[in-house]
């Protein structure tokens, strides 16, 4: 049965186990092995992202609250779908962010963070309001919630917010690999989009050496950066 027909027929209150069985029918064994290696989390069924997005879009048109309520968050795909469904809802931002707040408590990998946040397009139309939430997330002692805050800042790489972005990333303190890597990734994109401003920021920033050097490394690896030798000379020893 195709995805649209199955989602239209399933009752998440009564048939959630059937939904899980349906997810397993979509399993790709090779992708499961590949994803297991890069995501480094347990209980991956092995369903490709475009298929999960299609499922999420159809759930978002149906009884999405029942899906969220019955979601057991046992499998990677369940967690991913929970977040993706929220990103496709045609609802008010205040209602959306309440659902999003509950979702991020279940994030246990960089993939369920980044894929959902990068799909959460409603943020781009509610930048001022969302910035308040980002500051809250960045104060969290939970690494993946802090990473959510960092990845959300990708929506703010524009003339109006770039200085605020620099100020926020400069004060992120964490020893967690996934937090530091997200921060480095963000700064590397700042170098691509706002090269001179980011260079000036880096000259006086409070970033730890690992994040600082990783940001430069990721920028150097980009084909969009031309003056790679200058960035190499900026690395800390």
Protein backbone atom coordinates (compact mmCIF):
# COMPACT_ATOMS: atom_id res chain seq x y z
CA UNK A 1 0.00 0.00 0.00
CA UNK A 2 1.33 3.43 -0.86
CA UNK A 3 2.10 5.94 1.87
CA UNK A 4 -0.80 8.29 1.23
CA UNK A 5 -3.40 5.53 1.35
CA UNK A 6 -1.91 3.90 4.45
CA UNK A 7 -1.74 7.13 6.45
CA UNK A 8 -5.30 8.00 5.43
CA UNK A 9 -6.55 4.66 6.76
CA UNK A 10 -4.48 4.20 9.94
CA UNK A 11 -5.86 5.15 13.36
CA UNK A 12 -2.88 6.06 15.52
CA UNK A 13 -4.90 5.58 18.70
CA UNK A 14 -5.80 2.02 17.79
CA UNK A 15 -3.25 0.91 15.21
CA UNK A 16 0.08 2.41 16.21
CA UNK A 17 1.77 -1.00 16.18
CA UNK A 18 0.51 -1.48 12.63
CA UNK A 19 2.14 1.82 11.76
CA UNK A 20 5.47 0.52 13.09
CA UNK A 21 5.01 -2.64 11.04
CA UNK A 22 4.42 -0.46 8.00
CA UNK A 23 7.66 1.44 8.68
CA UNK A 24 9.53 -1.88 8.75
CA UNK A 25 8.01 -2.76 5.38
CA UNK A 26 9.86 0.29 4.00
CA UNK A 27 13.22 -0.80 5.40
CA UNK A 28 16.30 -0.61 3.22
CA UNK A 29 18.92 -2.97 4.66
CA UNK A 30 21.90 -1.29 3.01
CA UNK A 31 20.77 2.16 4.08
CA UNK A 32 20.20 0.87 7.59
CA UNK A 33 23.83 -0.28 7.81
CA UNK A 34 25.08 2.99 6.33
CA UNK A 35 22.96 5.16 8.61
CA UNK A 36 23.93 3.16 11.67
CA UNK A 37 27.57 4.06 11.05
CA UNK A 38 27.12 7.80 10.57
CA UNK A 39 24.34 8.50 13.08
CA UNK A 40 25.79 6.30 15.82
CA UNK A 41 22.51 5.67 17.58
CA UNK A 42 20.57 2.47 18.28
CA UNK A 43 17.28 1.20 16.87
CA UNK A 44 17.47 2.45 13.29
CA UNK A 45 14.96 0.81 10.95
CA UNK A 46 16.61 2.09 7.78
CA UNK A 47 14.23 4.40 5.90
CA UNK A 48 15.60 7.10 3.63
CA UNK A 49 14.86 10.74 4.47
CA UNK A 50 12.74 11.54 1.36
CA UNK A 51 10.42 8.69 2.29
CA UNK A 52 10.20 9.88 5.91
CA UNK A 53 9.39 13.38 4.68
CA UNK A 54 6.60 11.99 2.51
CA UNK A 55 5.17 10.11 5.49
CA UNK A 56 5.44 13.22 7.68
CA UNK A 57 3.66 15.41 5.13
CA UNK A 58 0.74 12.98 5.05
CA UNK A 59 0.56 12.68 8.84
CA UNK A 60 0.57 16.50 9.10
CA UNK A 61 -2.63 16.56 7.02
CA UNK A 62 -4.32 14.00 9.29
CA UNK A 63 -4.69 13.52 13.06
CA UNK A 64 -1.13 14.59 13.88
CA UNK A 65 -1.84 15.06 17.58
CA UNK A 66 -2.78 11.39 17.92
CA UNK A 67 0.42 10.43 16.14
CA UNK A 68 2.49 12.57 18.51
CA UNK A 69 0.63 11.29 21.57
CA UNK A 70 1.13 7.64 20.64
CA UNK A 71 4.70 7.99 19.39
CA UNK A 72 6.91 5.72 21.52
CA UNK A 73 10.21 7.25 20.31
CA UNK A 74 11.71 3.77 20.27
CA UNK A 75 13.17 3.98 16.78
CA UNK A 76 15.27 6.66 15.12
CA UNK A 77 12.59 7.02 12.46
CA UNK A 78 9.86 7.63 15.05
CA UNK A 79 11.84 10.49 16.55
CA UNK A 80 12.60 11.90 13.11
CA UNK A 81 8.96 11.69 12.05
CA UNK A 82 7.78 13.42 15.22
CA UNK A 83 9.93 16.42 14.37
CA UNK A 84 9.27 16.43 10.63
CA UNK A 85 5.51 16.35 11.14
CA UNK A 86 5.76 19.58 13.17
CA UNK A 87 7.71 21.27 10.37
CA UNK A 88 4.89 20.59 7.89
CA UNK A 89 1.99 21.80 10.03
CA UNK A 90 0.06 24.85 8.81
CA UNK A 91 -0.45 26.34 12.26
CA UNK A 92 0.39 29.49 14.20
CA UNK A 93 4.03 29.84 15.25
CA UNK A 94 3.18 30.00 18.97
CA UNK A 95 1.34 26.70 18.71
CA UNK A 96 4.09 25.22 16.57
CA UNK A 97 6.90 26.15 18.95
CA UNK A 98 5.05 24.53 21.87
CA UNK A 99 5.01 21.25 19.93
CA UNK A 100 8.64 21.82 18.94
CA UNK A 101 9.64 22.34 22.59
CA UNK A 102 8.21 18.94 23.46
CA UNK A 103 9.82 17.29 20.45
CA UNK A 104 13.39 18.39 21.15
CA UNK A 105 13.34 16.58 24.50
CA UNK A 106 13.44 13.33 22.49
CA UNK A 107 16.37 14.21 20.23
CA UNK A 108 19.25 11.79 20.76
CA UNK A 109 21.39 12.28 17.64
CA UNK A 110 22.76 15.02 15.43
CA UNK A 111 20.65 13.70 12.55
CA UNK A 112 17.27 14.07 14.28
CA UNK A 113 18.38 17.55 15.30
CA UNK A 114 19.73 18.85 12.01
CA UNK A 115 17.24 17.28 9.59
CA UNK A 116 14.26 18.62 11.52
CA UNK A 117 15.64 22.07 12.32
CA UNK A 118 16.73 22.63 8.72
CA UNK A 119 13.18 21.73 7.64
CA UNK A 120 11.53 24.05 10.19
CA UNK A 121 10.94 26.85 7.69
CA UNK A 122 8.37 28.66 9.82
CA UNK A 123 11.32 30.10 11.77
CA UNK A 124 12.30 32.34 8.85
CA UNK A 125 9.00 34.21 9.18
CA UNK A 126 9.21 34.53 12.98
CA UNK A 127 12.84 35.46 13.58
CA UNK A 128 12.38 37.88 16.47
CA UNK A 129 10.05 35.57 18.39
CA UNK A 130 12.17 32.49 17.77
CA UNK A 131 15.34 34.25 18.90
CA UNK A 132 13.96 34.25 22.43
CA UNK A 133 13.58 30.47 22.27
CA UNK A 134 17.07 30.04 20.83
CA UNK A 135 18.59 31.88 23.78
CA UNK A 136 16.68 29.51 26.05
CA UNK A 137 17.92 26.44 24.17
CA UNK A 138 21.53 27.63 24.29
CA UNK A 139 21.34 27.75 28.09
CA UNK A 140 20.25 24.11 28.29
CA UNK A 141 22.54 21.57 29.96
CA UNK A 142 21.33 18.97 27.44
CA UNK A 143 23.78 18.86 24.50
CA UNK A 144 21.28 18.16 21.74
CA UNK A 145 18.93 20.92 22.87
CA UNK A 146 21.90 23.28 22.85
CA UNK A 147 22.72 22.02 19.35
CA UNK A 148 19.14 22.77 18.29
CA UNK A 149 19.72 26.37 19.33
CA UNK A 150 22.91 26.58 17.30
CA UNK A 151 21.45 25.02 14.16
CA UNK A 152 18.44 27.36 14.36
CA UNK A 153 20.91 30.25 14.05
CA UNK A 154 21.48 29.26 10.41
CA UNK A 155 18.21 31.08 9.71
CA UNK A 156 19.79 34.28 11.06
CA UNK A 157 22.76 34.63 8.73
CA UNK A 158 21.63 37.93 7.25
CA UNK A 159 22.52 41.61 7.63
CA UNK A 160 20.00 42.19 10.41
CA UNK A 161 21.18 39.41 12.71
CA UNK A 162 24.77 38.50 11.90
CA UNK A 163 26.24 40.56 14.77
CA UNK A 164 23.80 38.94 17.18
CA UNK A 165 24.84 35.52 15.89
CA UNK A 166 28.50 36.31 16.59
CA UNK A 167 27.65 37.45 20.10
CA UNK A 168 25.68 34.29 20.83
CA UNK A 169 28.17 31.76 19.46
CA UNK A 170 30.99 33.54 21.26
CA UNK A 171 29.40 32.69 24.60
CA UNK A 172 28.56 29.04 23.96
CA UNK A 173 30.47 26.90 26.43
CA UNK A 174 30.43 23.13 26.13
CA UNK A 175 32.78 20.17 26.06
CA UNK A 176 30.29 18.11 24.06
CA UNK A 177 31.51 17.11 20.60
CA UNK A 178 28.13 17.61 18.90
CA UNK A 179 27.72 21.09 20.36
CA UNK A 180 31.24 22.17 19.41
CA UNK A 181 30.93 20.72 15.93
CA UNK A 182 27.64 22.55 15.31
CA UNK A 183 29.21 25.80 16.45
CA UNK A 184 32.22 25.26 14.18
CA UNK A 185 29.92 24.41 11.26
CA UNK A 186 27.91 27.59 11.81
CA UNK A 187 31.01 29.79 11.98
CA UNK A 188 32.40 28.20 8.80
CA UNK A 189 29.22 29.23 6.98
CA UNK A 190 29.56 32.72 8.44
CA UNK A 191 33.01 32.81 6.83
CA UNK A 192 31.47 31.95 3.50
CA UNK A 193 28.66 34.49 3.72
CA UNK A 194 30.32 37.26 5.75
CA UNK A 195 34.02 36.72 5.28
CA UNK A 196 35.42 40.05 6.51
CA UNK A 197 33.02 40.34 9.44
CA UNK A 198 33.79 36.77 10.53
CA UNK A 199 37.54 37.29 10.26
CA UNK A 200 37.23 40.31 12.55
CA UNK A 201 35.11 38.27 14.94
CA UNK A 202 37.61 35.42 15.04
CA UNK A 203 40.52 37.76 15.79
CA UNK A 204 39.00 38.65 19.17
CA UNK A 205 36.64 35.76 19.94
CA UNK A 206 36.46 33.64 23.08
CA UNK A 207 36.00 30.33 21.29
CA UNK A 208 37.89 27.33 22.58
CA UNK A 209 40.80 26.26 20.38
CA UNK A 210 39.12 23.11 19.07
CA UNK A 211 35.96 24.94 17.88
CA UNK A 212 38.01 27.81 16.47
CA UNK A 213 40.33 25.55 14.46
CA UNK A 214 37.52 23.26 13.33
CA UNK A 215 35.58 26.27 11.99
CA UNK A 216 38.62 27.32 9.96
CA UNK A 217 39.15 23.77 8.74
CA UNK A 218 35.57 23.41 7.53
CA UNK A 219 35.78 26.78 5.76
CA UNK A 220 39.07 25.79 4.12
CA UNK A 221 37.41 22.62 2.84
CA UNK A 222 34.70 24.68 1.11
CA UNK A 223 35.09 25.45 -2.58
CA UNK A 224 33.41 28.82 -1.86
CA UNK A 225 36.42 30.09 0.11
CA UNK A 226 39.28 31.38 -2.07
CA UNK A 227 41.91 32.67 0.38
CA UNK A 228 42.57 29.35 2.08
CA UNK A 229 46.24 30.12 2.90
CA UNK A 230 45.22 33.10 5.04
CA UNK A 231 42.81 30.92 7.01
CA UNK A 232 45.49 28.28 7.52
CA UNK A 233 47.77 30.94 9.01
CA UNK A 234 45.00 31.95 11.43
CA UNK A 235 44.88 28.53 13.10
CA UNK A 236 45.81 28.36 16.75
CA UNK A 237 48.53 26.02 17.96
